[in-house]
Protein backbone atom coordinates (compact mmCIF):
# COMPACT_ATOMS: atom_id res chain seq x y z
CA MET A 1 55.94 -9.13 52.81
CA THR A 2 54.26 -12.20 50.36
CA TYR A 3 54.70 -11.48 46.14
CA ARG A 4 51.67 -12.53 44.61
CA VAL A 5 51.30 -13.28 41.30
CA CYS A 6 48.58 -14.57 38.87
CA LEU A 7 48.46 -16.29 36.00
CA VAL A 8 45.45 -16.23 33.27
CA CYS A 9 44.14 -17.96 30.34
CA MET A 10 40.60 -18.22 29.12
CA GLY A 11 38.80 -20.53 31.16
CA ASN A 12 41.75 -21.42 34.33
CA ILE A 13 41.14 -25.41 33.44
CA CYS A 14 44.20 -25.80 31.26
CA ARG A 15 46.78 -23.55 30.70
CA SER A 16 46.93 -21.21 33.35
CA PRO A 17 46.15 -24.34 36.04
CA MET A 18 48.95 -26.38 34.65
CA ALA A 19 51.32 -22.81 34.66
CA GLU A 20 50.27 -22.44 38.17
CA VAL A 21 51.12 -25.64 39.63
CA VAL A 22 54.55 -25.90 37.95
CA LEU A 23 55.18 -21.93 39.05
CA ARG A 24 54.72 -23.13 42.28
CA HIS A 25 57.10 -26.59 42.16
CA VAL A 26 59.45 -24.17 40.58
CA LEU A 27 59.64 -21.85 43.73
CA GLU A 28 59.52 -24.65 46.19
CA ARG A 29 62.49 -25.62 45.03
CA HIS A 30 64.31 -22.14 44.95
CA GLY A 31 63.20 -22.13 48.73
CA LEU A 32 60.67 -19.78 47.88
CA ASP A 33 56.96 -21.80 48.51
CA HIS A 34 56.20 -19.43 51.53
CA ASP A 35 57.38 -15.95 50.06
CA VAL A 36 54.95 -16.11 46.92
CA ILE A 37 51.66 -17.06 46.90
CA VAL A 38 50.91 -18.37 43.16
CA GLU A 39 47.02 -18.16 41.82
CA SER A 40 45.71 -18.65 38.37
CA ALA A 41 42.14 -17.67 37.23
CA GLY A 42 40.65 -17.24 33.27
CA THR A 43 39.21 -14.32 31.60
CA GLY A 44 35.91 -16.27 31.16
CA GLY A 45 33.82 -17.73 33.98
CA TRP A 46 32.13 -20.50 32.21
CA HIS A 47 34.19 -23.27 34.27
CA ALA A 48 34.30 -21.71 37.71
CA GLY A 49 34.26 -24.47 40.19
CA ALA A 50 35.14 -26.88 37.55
CA PRO A 51 38.35 -29.35 38.34
CA MET A 52 41.08 -29.01 36.05
CA ASP A 53 40.70 -30.63 32.55
CA GLU A 54 41.39 -34.04 32.98
CA ARG A 55 44.02 -34.50 29.72
CA ALA A 56 46.09 -31.00 31.71
CA LEU A 57 45.59 -33.06 34.99
CA ARG A 58 46.67 -36.50 33.38
CA THR A 59 49.63 -34.66 31.85
CA LEU A 60 50.80 -32.74 35.19
CA VAL A 61 50.32 -36.64 37.05
CA GLY A 62 52.59 -37.83 34.50
CA ARG A 63 55.48 -35.15 35.06
CA GLY A 64 55.11 -35.71 39.05
CA TYR A 65 52.88 -32.80 39.88
CA ASP A 66 49.73 -32.64 41.52
CA GLY A 67 46.82 -30.45 40.22
CA SER A 68 44.03 -31.81 42.02
CA ALA A 69 43.33 -29.10 44.03
CA HIS A 70 42.70 -26.68 41.13
CA ARG A 71 38.78 -25.19 40.79
CA ALA A 72 38.50 -22.77 38.22
CA ARG A 73 37.87 -19.04 38.81
CA LYS A 74 37.23 -15.53 36.93
CA PHE A 75 39.80 -12.92 36.93
CA THR A 76 37.86 -9.71 37.50
CA ASP A 77 39.43 -5.82 37.52
CA ASP A 78 39.31 -5.41 41.12
CA TRP A 79 41.75 -8.28 41.40
CA PHE A 80 44.81 -6.13 39.90
CA ASP A 81 45.79 -4.77 43.22
CA ARG A 82 45.72 -8.27 45.28
CA TYR A 83 48.53 -9.06 42.43
CA ASP A 84 52.12 -7.93 42.18
CA LEU A 85 52.63 -9.62 38.81
CA VAL A 86 49.93 -10.89 36.20
CA LEU A 87 50.51 -13.29 33.30
CA ALA A 88 48.70 -13.71 30.01
CA MET A 89 48.83 -17.06 28.17
CA ASP A 90 48.48 -15.49 25.20
CA ARG A 91 47.84 -12.79 23.19
CA ASP A 92 44.53 -12.55 23.42
CA ASN A 93 44.06 -12.78 27.31
CA LEU A 94 46.88 -10.09 27.45
CA SER A 95 45.14 -7.73 25.52
CA PHE A 96 41.60 -8.60 27.50
CA LEU A 97 43.60 -7.84 30.59
CA GLN A 98 45.42 -4.88 29.91
CA GLY A 99 42.32 -3.31 28.65
CA MET A 100 40.89 -3.89 32.45
CA ALA A 101 43.93 -3.23 34.31
CA PRO A 102 44.68 -0.09 35.78
CA GLU A 103 46.77 2.83 34.67
CA GLY A 104 50.52 1.57 35.67
CA VAL A 105 49.49 -2.20 35.74
CA GLU A 106 52.24 -4.33 33.57
CA VAL A 107 50.78 -7.50 32.66
CA ARG A 108 52.65 -9.57 30.59
CA LEU A 109 52.71 -12.65 28.70
CA PHE A 110 54.09 -15.27 30.58
CA ARG A 111 56.75 -17.34 27.92
CA SER A 112 58.23 -13.74 27.83
CA PHE A 113 59.84 -14.50 31.06
CA ASP A 114 61.96 -17.97 28.61
CA PRO A 115 65.37 -16.82 27.24
CA ALA A 116 64.48 -19.30 24.62
CA SER A 117 61.01 -18.46 23.77
CA PRO A 118 60.66 -15.57 20.43
CA ASP A 119 59.22 -12.40 21.83
CA ARG A 120 55.36 -11.89 22.34
CA ALA A 121 55.06 -16.32 22.46
CA GLU A 122 52.54 -17.74 23.13
CA VAL A 123 51.12 -20.85 25.25
CA PRO A 124 49.13 -22.35 22.64
CA ASP A 125 45.46 -23.50 24.03
CA PRO A 126 45.34 -27.35 23.78
CA TYR A 127 41.51 -28.08 24.73
CA TYR A 128 40.14 -29.04 21.46
CA GLY A 129 43.47 -31.00 20.56
CA GLY A 130 44.73 -34.15 21.34
CA GLN A 131 47.41 -35.05 23.89
CA ASP A 132 50.22 -33.64 22.32
CA GLY A 133 49.15 -30.36 23.16
CA PHE A 134 49.02 -30.83 26.91
CA ASP A 135 52.42 -32.06 26.43
CA GLU A 136 53.38 -29.28 24.11
CA VAL A 137 51.94 -26.71 27.13
CA LEU A 138 53.77 -28.54 29.79
CA GLU A 139 57.09 -28.24 28.17
CA LEU A 140 56.58 -24.28 27.50
CA VAL A 141 55.66 -23.79 31.16
CA GLU A 142 58.45 -25.52 32.63
CA ALA A 143 60.69 -23.69 30.50
CA ALA A 144 58.97 -20.34 31.02
CA ALA A 145 58.70 -21.07 34.83
CA GLU A 146 62.13 -20.74 35.45
CA GLY A 147 62.66 -17.18 34.12
CA VAL A 148 59.30 -16.38 35.89
CA ALA A 149 60.98 -17.34 39.60
CA LYS A 150 64.07 -15.59 38.64
CA HIS A 151 61.94 -12.43 37.93
CA ILE A 152 60.47 -13.21 41.29
CA VAL A 153 63.62 -13.55 43.46
CA ASP A 154 65.19 -10.62 41.70
CA GLU A 155 61.61 -8.32 42.79
CA ILE A 156 61.83 -9.95 46.36
CA ARG A 157 65.55 -9.37 47.09
């Protein structure tokens, strides 16, 4: 059985696609790339079909990741039955997703899987800032991705 996870931010051009690329890499390193499907989406659809933000892509490439295939998508309420785990990048998107989730579906913050992260910590939106914001997002995503991978291993094994 394939385990499916969706990472969600606002527009699906910065944080969630960066997390998608990093989490795929971590899962591959753990030998789980054939057992887990990682996707991302945004709560808003205004960027649907667009590639990743150029700054986010450049940040990933600088650390050896490839995000060139990404195209933004909008998360819709009928997607909850597609995924075993839905992770929001911040509290606003978490609240939005929880409001549309069917009863009994758990939606969590991505950084809740980082043991060094304060409770309910967010991945900040770098879109309106400079390059340092994208660098910070990558560091936070890399730290949490290991915890997400461990959680998935515990779920599927």
